[in-house]
Amino acid sequence: MPRETGRKFIAQNKRARHDFHIEETFEAGMVLQGTEVKSLREGRASLADGYATIKDGEAWLINAHIPEYTQGTWTNHSARRTRKLLLHRKEIGKLAAKTKEGGLTIVPLSLYFKDGKAKVELGLARGKKDWDKRQTLAEKQAKREMARVVRHRNR
C-alpha cells in the first residue's frame, strides 16, 4: 500500500483568525489513540473551543473535539480529552515565555494530516477588541468591492 503524501485538511478554526491577531505559527504533532485517528480520517473534528497550554515543560491541547469513532467499541476515546502536543523543547520554551508575559494565548488554527501523520497548527495570538474586528471586516468588504469593480470594468 503506498504511503500518504501531502496535506489533507481535517478542520480549520476560522473563528480564531476573526477573534485574534496571529503573531506567529507553529506546527505540532499530537499523541492520539487509535480510534481518534480513525475518526480524524473520516474528516470529523472541531477546534472552535480549543486552546493550548504549557504545563511542566509539556504542551497540551485542551477542549478540541474529536468525536467518538462510530464503529469503536468499549476502547473508544472521550471526545474532549486533553491531548499532548509534540514540539521541540526550544519551541515549548518560547511559547511558555511569550504566554507568561501577558496578553498572548496559544490557539489551534487547523488540524490536518501531513504525510500520514496528524498535525495541528498553533498560533501565538493576541485578542482583538470589538473595533479591531469591525475594522478588519470593513477592510475585507472594501477589498471585495474593489475587486468587483475591477472585474466589472474589464468586461
N, C-alpha and C. Protein backbone atom coordinates (compact mmCIF):
# COMPACT_ATOMS: atom_id res chain seq x y z
N MET A 1 0.84 -1.17 0.00
CA MET A 1 0.00 0.00 0.00
C MET A 1 0.89 1.25 0.00
N PRO A 2 0.66 2.21 -0.91
CA PRO A 2 1.50 3.41 -0.96
C PRO A 2 1.26 4.32 0.24
N ARG A 3 2.33 4.97 0.67
CA ARG A 3 2.24 5.89 1.80
C ARG A 3 1.56 7.18 1.38
N GLU A 4 0.88 7.81 2.31
CA GLU A 4 0.23 9.10 2.05
C GLU A 4 1.29 10.18 1.91
N THR A 5 1.06 11.10 1.00
CA THR A 5 1.94 12.25 0.86
C THR A 5 1.08 13.51 0.76
N GLY A 6 1.67 14.64 1.10
CA GLY A 6 0.95 15.91 1.01
C GLY A 6 0.11 16.18 2.25
N ARG A 7 -0.73 17.21 2.13
CA ARG A 7 -1.58 17.64 3.24
C ARG A 7 -3.04 17.35 2.96
N LYS A 8 -3.73 16.87 3.98
CA LYS A 8 -5.17 16.65 3.90
C LYS A 8 -5.79 17.36 5.10
N PHE A 9 -6.47 18.47 4.85
CA PHE A 9 -7.05 19.25 5.93
C PHE A 9 -8.27 18.56 6.52
N ILE A 10 -8.37 18.59 7.84
CA ILE A 10 -9.48 17.97 8.55
C ILE A 10 -10.40 19.05 9.10
N ALA A 11 -9.82 20.03 9.81
CA ALA A 11 -10.63 21.08 10.42
C ALA A 11 -9.84 22.37 10.48
N GLN A 12 -10.55 23.49 10.35
CA GLN A 12 -9.93 24.80 10.49
C GLN A 12 -10.71 25.61 11.49
N ASN A 13 -10.01 26.44 12.24
CA ASN A 13 -10.63 27.30 13.23
C ASN A 13 -10.70 28.71 12.63
N LYS A 14 -11.73 28.96 11.82
CA LYS A 14 -11.87 30.26 11.16
C LYS A 14 -12.17 31.35 12.18
N ARG A 15 -12.81 30.98 13.25
CA ARG A 15 -13.17 31.96 14.29
C ARG A 15 -11.91 32.54 14.94
N ALA A 16 -10.84 31.74 15.03
CA ALA A 16 -9.61 32.21 15.67
C ALA A 16 -9.02 33.39 14.91
N ARG A 17 -9.03 33.34 13.59
CA ARG A 17 -8.47 34.45 12.81
C ARG A 17 -9.35 35.68 12.90
N HIS A 18 -10.62 35.50 13.22
CA HIS A 18 -11.52 36.63 13.40
C HIS A 18 -11.36 37.27 14.78
N ASP A 19 -11.14 36.45 15.80
CA ASP A 19 -11.09 36.93 17.17
C ASP A 19 -9.69 37.31 17.65
N PHE A 20 -8.64 36.90 16.94
CA PHE A 20 -7.28 37.12 17.41
C PHE A 20 -6.38 37.66 16.31
N HIS A 21 -5.35 38.42 16.71
CA HIS A 21 -4.24 38.76 15.83
C HIS A 21 -3.23 37.62 15.98
N ILE A 22 -2.93 36.91 14.90
CA ILE A 22 -1.98 35.80 14.96
C ILE A 22 -0.59 36.36 14.73
N GLU A 23 0.28 36.25 15.73
CA GLU A 23 1.62 36.82 15.64
C GLU A 23 2.64 35.83 15.08
N GLU A 24 2.47 34.55 15.43
CA GLU A 24 3.43 33.53 14.99
C GLU A 24 2.72 32.18 14.95
N THR A 25 3.14 31.30 14.04
CA THR A 25 2.52 29.97 13.96
C THR A 25 3.56 28.88 14.17
N PHE A 26 3.09 27.77 14.71
CA PHE A 26 3.92 26.60 14.96
C PHE A 26 3.18 25.37 14.49
N GLU A 27 3.92 24.36 14.04
CA GLU A 27 3.33 23.07 13.67
C GLU A 27 3.70 22.06 14.75
N ALA A 28 2.70 21.33 15.24
CA ALA A 28 2.95 20.36 16.30
C ALA A 28 2.29 19.04 15.95
N GLY A 29 2.93 17.96 16.35
CA GLY A 29 2.32 16.65 16.25
C GLY A 29 1.42 16.43 17.46
N MET A 30 0.62 15.37 17.43
CA MET A 30 -0.28 15.08 18.54
C MET A 30 -0.16 13.62 18.94
N VAL A 31 -0.28 13.36 20.23
CA VAL A 31 -0.33 11.99 20.73
C VAL A 31 -1.79 11.59 20.72
N LEU A 32 -2.15 10.63 19.87
CA LEU A 32 -3.55 10.22 19.70
C LEU A 32 -3.72 8.74 19.97
N GLN A 33 -4.95 8.35 20.29
CA GLN A 33 -5.30 6.95 20.41
C GLN A 33 -5.78 6.47 19.04
N GLY A 34 -5.85 5.17 18.85
CA GLY A 34 -6.22 4.61 17.56
C GLY A 34 -7.57 5.04 17.04
N THR A 35 -8.57 5.08 17.93
CA THR A 35 -9.90 5.46 17.47
C THR A 35 -9.97 6.95 17.11
N GLU A 36 -9.11 7.76 17.72
CA GLU A 36 -9.06 9.18 17.36
C GLU A 36 -8.55 9.35 15.94
N VAL A 37 -7.54 8.60 15.57
CA VAL A 37 -7.00 8.68 14.22
C VAL A 37 -8.05 8.24 13.20
N LYS A 38 -8.78 7.18 13.51
CA LYS A 38 -9.82 6.70 12.60
C LYS A 38 -10.92 7.74 12.45
N SER A 39 -11.29 8.40 13.53
CA SER A 39 -12.30 9.44 13.47
C SER A 39 -11.80 10.63 12.65
N LEU A 40 -10.53 10.98 12.80
CA LEU A 40 -9.96 12.08 12.01
C LEU A 40 -9.90 11.73 10.53
N ARG A 41 -9.61 10.48 10.22
CA ARG A 41 -9.56 10.07 8.81
C ARG A 41 -10.93 10.19 8.16
N GLU A 42 -12.00 10.11 8.96
CA GLU A 42 -13.34 10.34 8.43
C GLU A 42 -13.61 11.83 8.22
N GLY A 43 -12.68 12.69 8.66
CA GLY A 43 -12.80 14.13 8.45
C GLY A 43 -13.68 14.83 9.46
N ARG A 44 -13.74 14.31 10.67
CA ARG A 44 -14.61 14.89 11.68
C ARG A 44 -13.80 15.40 12.86
N ALA A 45 -13.85 16.71 13.08
CA ALA A 45 -13.20 17.32 14.25
C ALA A 45 -13.62 18.78 14.33
N SER A 46 -13.45 19.37 15.51
CA SER A 46 -13.78 20.77 15.70
C SER A 46 -12.75 21.40 16.64
N LEU A 47 -12.23 22.54 16.25
CA LEU A 47 -11.26 23.26 17.06
C LEU A 47 -11.84 24.53 17.65
N ALA A 48 -13.14 24.73 17.52
CA ALA A 48 -13.77 26.01 17.85
C ALA A 48 -13.52 26.45 19.30
N ASP A 49 -13.62 25.55 20.26
CA ASP A 49 -13.45 25.92 21.66
C ASP A 49 -12.06 25.57 22.19
N GLY A 50 -11.19 25.07 21.33
CA GLY A 50 -9.92 24.57 21.79
C GLY A 50 -8.88 25.65 22.05
N TYR A 51 -7.93 25.31 22.90
CA TYR A 51 -6.77 26.16 23.17
C TYR A 51 -5.64 25.26 23.64
N ALA A 52 -4.44 25.81 23.65
CA ALA A 52 -3.29 25.03 24.09
C ALA A 52 -2.66 25.72 25.30
N THR A 53 -1.99 24.94 26.10
CA THR A 53 -1.32 25.49 27.28
C THR A 53 -0.01 24.73 27.51
N ILE A 54 0.88 25.35 28.27
CA ILE A 54 2.16 24.73 28.62
C ILE A 54 2.13 24.42 30.12
N LYS A 55 2.30 23.13 30.47
CA LYS A 55 2.36 22.70 31.88
C LYS A 55 3.56 21.81 32.07
N ASP A 56 4.39 22.14 33.02
CA ASP A 56 5.55 21.32 33.39
C ASP A 56 6.44 21.01 32.19
N GLY A 57 6.66 21.99 31.32
CA GLY A 57 7.54 21.80 30.17
C GLY A 57 6.94 20.96 29.06
N GLU A 58 5.64 20.75 29.06
CA GLU A 58 4.96 19.99 28.01
C GLU A 58 3.79 20.81 27.49
N ALA A 59 3.49 20.66 26.19
CA ALA A 59 2.38 21.37 25.58
C ALA A 59 1.17 20.46 25.52
N TRP A 60 -0.02 21.02 25.82
CA TRP A 60 -1.26 20.26 25.86
C TRP A 60 -2.34 20.97 25.07
N LEU A 61 -3.10 20.22 24.29
CA LEU A 61 -4.25 20.73 23.56
C LEU A 61 -5.50 20.41 24.37
N ILE A 62 -6.23 21.45 24.74
CA ILE A 62 -7.37 21.29 25.64
C ILE A 62 -8.65 21.66 24.91
N ASN A 63 -9.68 20.87 25.10
CA ASN A 63 -11.05 21.15 24.64
C ASN A 63 -11.24 21.07 23.13
N ALA A 64 -10.33 20.46 22.41
CA ALA A 64 -10.56 20.21 20.98
C ALA A 64 -11.47 18.98 20.87
N HIS A 65 -12.44 19.04 19.98
CA HIS A 65 -13.45 17.99 19.89
C HIS A 65 -13.15 17.05 18.72
N ILE A 66 -12.81 15.82 19.05
CA ILE A 66 -12.68 14.75 18.05
C ILE A 66 -13.75 13.73 18.43
N PRO A 67 -14.83 13.64 17.66
CA PRO A 67 -15.96 12.78 18.06
C PRO A 67 -15.56 11.31 18.13
N GLU A 68 -16.33 10.55 18.90
CA GLU A 68 -16.05 9.12 19.03
C GLU A 68 -16.18 8.43 17.69
N TYR A 69 -15.37 7.42 17.47
CA TYR A 69 -15.41 6.64 16.24
C TYR A 69 -16.69 5.81 16.23
N THR A 70 -17.42 5.87 15.13
CA THR A 70 -18.74 5.23 15.08
C THR A 70 -18.68 3.72 15.24
N GLN A 71 -17.63 3.08 14.70
CA GLN A 71 -17.53 1.64 14.83
C GLN A 71 -16.62 1.22 15.99
N GLY A 72 -16.33 2.17 16.88
CA GLY A 72 -15.49 1.86 18.03
C GLY A 72 -16.23 1.02 19.05
N THR A 73 -15.47 0.36 19.91
CA THR A 73 -16.06 -0.47 20.95
C THR A 73 -15.85 0.21 22.29
N TRP A 74 -15.75 -0.56 23.34
CA TRP A 74 -15.53 -0.01 24.67
C TRP A 74 -14.18 0.68 24.78
N THR A 75 -13.29 0.47 23.81
CA THR A 75 -11.97 1.12 23.84
C THR A 75 -12.00 2.51 23.21
N ASN A 76 -13.18 3.01 22.86
CA ASN A 76 -13.30 4.33 22.24
C ASN A 76 -12.78 5.42 23.17
N HIS A 77 -12.34 6.52 22.59
CA HIS A 77 -11.80 7.65 23.34
C HIS A 77 -12.93 8.60 23.76
N SER A 78 -12.64 9.47 24.71
CA SER A 78 -13.61 10.52 25.05
C SER A 78 -13.37 11.69 24.10
N ALA A 79 -14.43 12.37 23.72
CA ALA A 79 -14.37 13.35 22.64
C ALA A 79 -13.53 14.58 22.97
N ARG A 80 -13.58 15.06 24.19
CA ARG A 80 -12.88 16.30 24.53
C ARG A 80 -11.72 16.09 25.50
N ARG A 81 -11.04 14.99 25.38
CA ARG A 81 -9.94 14.73 26.31
C ARG A 81 -8.75 15.64 26.01
N THR A 82 -7.88 15.82 26.99
CA THR A 82 -6.68 16.62 26.83
C THR A 82 -5.64 15.80 26.09
N ARG A 83 -5.05 16.38 25.04
CA ARG A 83 -4.09 15.67 24.19
C ARG A 83 -2.72 16.34 24.27
N LYS A 84 -1.70 15.52 24.34
CA LYS A 84 -0.33 16.03 24.41
C LYS A 84 0.12 16.45 23.02
N LEU A 85 0.81 17.59 22.94
CA LEU A 85 1.35 18.09 21.68
C LEU A 85 2.85 17.83 21.64
N LEU A 86 3.34 17.52 20.46
CA LEU A 86 4.76 17.21 20.28
C LEU A 86 5.45 18.41 19.61
N LEU A 87 6.25 19.11 20.40
CA LEU A 87 7.01 20.26 19.93
C LEU A 87 8.46 20.13 20.39
N HIS A 88 9.36 20.83 19.73
CA HIS A 88 10.75 20.87 20.18
C HIS A 88 10.83 21.66 21.48
N ARG A 89 11.80 21.32 22.30
CA ARG A 89 11.95 21.96 23.60
C ARG A 89 12.12 23.48 23.46
N LYS A 90 12.84 23.93 22.44
CA LYS A 90 13.03 25.37 22.23
C LYS A 90 11.70 26.05 21.92
N GLU A 91 10.87 25.38 21.12
CA GLU A 91 9.56 25.95 20.78
C GLU A 91 8.67 26.02 22.03
N ILE A 92 8.71 24.99 22.85
CA ILE A 92 7.92 24.99 24.08
C ILE A 92 8.38 26.12 25.00
N GLY A 93 9.70 26.29 25.13
CA GLY A 93 10.24 27.37 25.95
C GLY A 93 9.83 28.74 25.44
N LYS A 94 9.87 28.90 24.13
CA LYS A 94 9.48 30.18 23.52
C LYS A 94 8.00 30.47 23.77
N LEU A 95 7.15 29.46 23.56
CA LEU A 95 5.71 29.63 23.81
C LEU A 95 5.43 29.94 25.28
N ALA A 96 6.11 29.25 26.18
CA ALA A 96 5.89 29.46 27.61
C ALA A 96 6.29 30.89 28.00
N ALA A 97 7.41 31.36 27.49
CA ALA A 97 7.87 32.71 27.81
C ALA A 97 6.91 33.76 27.27
N LYS A 98 6.45 33.58 26.05
CA LYS A 98 5.55 34.56 25.42
C LYS A 98 4.20 34.62 26.13
N THR A 99 3.66 33.46 26.53
CA THR A 99 2.35 33.48 27.17
C THR A 99 2.43 34.00 28.61
N LYS A 100 3.58 33.85 29.25
CA LYS A 100 3.73 34.38 30.61
C LYS A 100 3.82 35.90 30.63
N GLU A 101 4.34 36.49 29.56
CA GLU A 101 4.50 37.94 29.55
C GLU A 101 3.15 38.66 29.52
N GLY A 102 2.11 37.96 29.13
CA GLY A 102 0.77 38.53 29.24
C GLY A 102 0.14 38.93 27.92
N GLY A 103 -1.16 38.74 27.85
CA GLY A 103 -1.91 39.16 26.67
C GLY A 103 -1.86 38.20 25.51
N LEU A 104 -1.05 37.16 25.58
CA LEU A 104 -0.93 36.21 24.48
C LEU A 104 -1.49 34.85 24.90
N THR A 105 -2.05 34.15 23.94
CA THR A 105 -2.58 32.81 24.18
C THR A 105 -2.21 31.92 23.00
N ILE A 106 -2.32 30.63 23.18
CA ILE A 106 -1.99 29.67 22.12
C ILE A 106 -3.30 29.09 21.62
N VAL A 107 -3.58 29.29 20.33
CA VAL A 107 -4.86 28.89 19.74
C VAL A 107 -4.60 27.90 18.61
N PRO A 108 -5.34 26.79 18.54
CA PRO A 108 -5.20 25.90 17.39
C PRO A 108 -5.89 26.51 16.16
N LEU A 109 -5.16 26.56 15.04
CA LEU A 109 -5.70 27.17 13.82
C LEU A 109 -6.25 26.13 12.86
N SER A 110 -5.53 25.02 12.70
CA SER A 110 -6.02 23.98 11.79
C SER A 110 -5.48 22.62 12.22
N LEU A 111 -6.19 21.61 11.76
CA LEU A 111 -5.86 20.22 12.05
C LEU A 111 -5.79 19.50 10.72
N TYR A 112 -4.70 18.78 10.46
CA TYR A 112 -4.52 18.16 9.15
C TYR A 112 -3.58 16.96 9.25
N PHE A 113 -3.59 16.16 8.20
CA PHE A 113 -2.62 15.07 8.05
C PHE A 113 -1.51 15.55 7.13
N LYS A 114 -0.29 15.37 7.55
CA LYS A 114 0.87 15.72 6.73
C LYS A 114 1.71 14.46 6.59
N ASP A 115 1.77 13.94 5.37
CA ASP A 115 2.49 12.70 5.09
C ASP A 115 2.01 11.57 6.01
N GLY A 116 0.71 11.51 6.26
CA GLY A 116 0.11 10.44 7.03
C GLY A 116 0.12 10.63 8.53
N LYS A 117 0.69 11.73 9.02
CA LYS A 117 0.75 11.97 10.46
C LYS A 117 -0.15 13.16 10.81
N ALA A 118 -0.90 13.03 11.90
CA ALA A 118 -1.81 14.09 12.33
C ALA A 118 -1.01 15.25 12.92
N LYS A 119 -1.28 16.46 12.43
CA LYS A 119 -0.59 17.66 12.89
C LYS A 119 -1.62 18.72 13.23
N VAL A 120 -1.23 19.62 14.11
CA VAL A 120 -2.08 20.77 14.44
C VAL A 120 -1.22 22.02 14.28
N GLU A 121 -1.80 23.05 13.65
CA GLU A 121 -1.11 24.33 13.50
C GLU A 121 -1.56 25.22 14.64
N LEU A 122 -0.60 25.67 15.44
CA LEU A 122 -0.88 26.52 16.59
C LEU A 122 -0.50 27.95 16.26
N GLY A 123 -1.27 28.88 16.77
CA GLY A 123 -0.96 30.29 16.58
C GLY A 123 -0.77 30.97 17.92
N LEU A 124 0.30 31.76 18.02
CA LEU A 124 0.51 32.60 19.19
C LEU A 124 -0.30 33.86 18.93
N ALA A 125 -1.35 34.09 19.72
CA ALA A 125 -2.35 35.07 19.36
C ALA A 125 -2.60 36.09 20.46
N ARG A 126 -2.95 37.29 20.02
CA ARG A 126 -3.37 38.37 20.91
C ARG A 126 -4.81 38.70 20.59
N GLY A 127 -5.65 38.79 21.58
CA GLY A 127 -7.08 39.03 21.38
C GLY A 127 -7.37 40.36 20.71
N LYS A 128 -8.37 40.38 19.84
CA LYS A 128 -8.80 41.61 19.18
C LYS A 128 -9.90 42.27 20.01
N LYS A 129 -9.94 43.58 19.95
CA LYS A 129 -11.05 44.33 20.53
C LYS A 129 -12.17 44.38 19.50
N ASP A 130 -13.36 44.79 19.93
CA ASP A 130 -14.50 44.86 19.02
C ASP A 130 -14.25 45.79 17.84
N TRP A 131 -13.59 46.92 18.10
CA TRP A 131 -13.34 47.85 16.99
C TRP A 131 -12.34 47.27 16.00
N ASP A 132 -11.41 46.44 16.47
CA ASP A 132 -10.47 45.76 15.57
C ASP A 132 -11.24 44.83 14.62
N LYS A 133 -12.20 44.10 15.18
CA LYS A 133 -12.98 43.17 14.37
C LYS A 133 -13.79 43.91 13.32
N ARG A 134 -14.40 45.04 13.71
CA ARG A 134 -15.16 45.83 12.75
C ARG A 134 -14.26 46.40 11.67
N GLN A 135 -13.07 46.86 12.04
CA GLN A 135 -12.13 47.41 11.08
C GLN A 135 -11.68 46.35 10.09
N THR A 136 -11.38 45.16 10.56
CA THR A 136 -10.97 44.05 9.69
C THR A 136 -12.08 43.69 8.73
N LEU A 137 -13.31 43.64 9.22
CA LEU A 137 -14.46 43.33 8.38
C LEU A 137 -14.67 44.41 7.32
N ALA A 138 -14.50 45.68 7.69
CA ALA A 138 -14.66 46.78 6.74
C ALA A 138 -13.58 46.71 5.65
N GLU A 139 -12.33 46.39 6.03
CA GLU A 139 -11.25 46.27 5.04
C GLU A 139 -11.54 45.13 4.07
N LYS A 140 -12.04 44.01 4.59
CA LYS A 140 -12.36 42.86 3.75
C LYS A 140 -13.45 43.21 2.75
N GLN A 141 -14.48 43.93 3.22
CA GLN A 141 -15.57 44.33 2.33
C GLN A 141 -15.09 45.31 1.28
N ALA A 142 -14.19 46.24 1.66
CA ALA A 142 -13.66 47.21 0.70
C ALA A 142 -12.85 46.50 -0.39
N LYS A 143 -12.04 45.53 -0.01
CA LYS A 143 -11.26 44.77 -0.99
C LYS A 143 -12.17 44.03 -1.95
N ARG A 144 -13.22 43.41 -1.40
CA ARG A 144 -14.18 42.68 -2.21
C ARG A 144 -14.89 43.61 -3.20
N GLU A 145 -15.24 44.81 -2.75
CA GLU A 145 -15.91 45.79 -3.60
C GLU A 145 -14.98 46.27 -4.72
N MET A 146 -13.71 46.52 -4.38
CA MET A 146 -12.74 46.95 -5.40
C MET A 146 -12.53 45.86 -6.45
N ALA A 147 -12.43 44.62 -6.00
CA ALA A 147 -12.25 43.51 -6.95
C ALA A 147 -13.47 43.39 -7.86
N ARG A 148 -14.66 43.60 -7.31
CA ARG A 148 -15.89 43.53 -8.11
C ARG A 148 -15.91 44.63 -9.16
N VAL A 149 -15.51 45.85 -8.78
CA VAL A 149 -15.49 46.97 -9.73
C VAL A 149 -14.47 46.73 -10.83
N VAL A 150 -13.28 46.25 -10.47
CA VAL A 150 -12.25 45.96 -11.49
C VAL A 150 -12.73 44.87 -12.43
N ARG A 151 -13.34 43.84 -11.90
CA ARG A 151 -13.86 42.76 -12.73
C ARG A 151 -14.95 43.27 -13.67
N HIS A 152 -15.79 44.14 -13.16
CA HIS A 152 -16.88 44.69 -13.98
C HIS A 152 -16.33 45.61 -15.06
N ARG A 153 -15.29 46.38 -14.74
CA ARG A 153 -14.69 47.30 -15.70
C ARG A 153 -13.97 46.56 -16.83
N ASN A 154 -13.38 45.42 -16.53
CA ASN A 154 -12.61 44.67 -17.52
C ASN A 154 -13.48 43.88 -18.49
N ARG A 155 -14.78 43.89 -18.32
CA ARG A 155 -15.67 43.14 -19.22
C ARG A 155 -15.76 43.78 -20.57
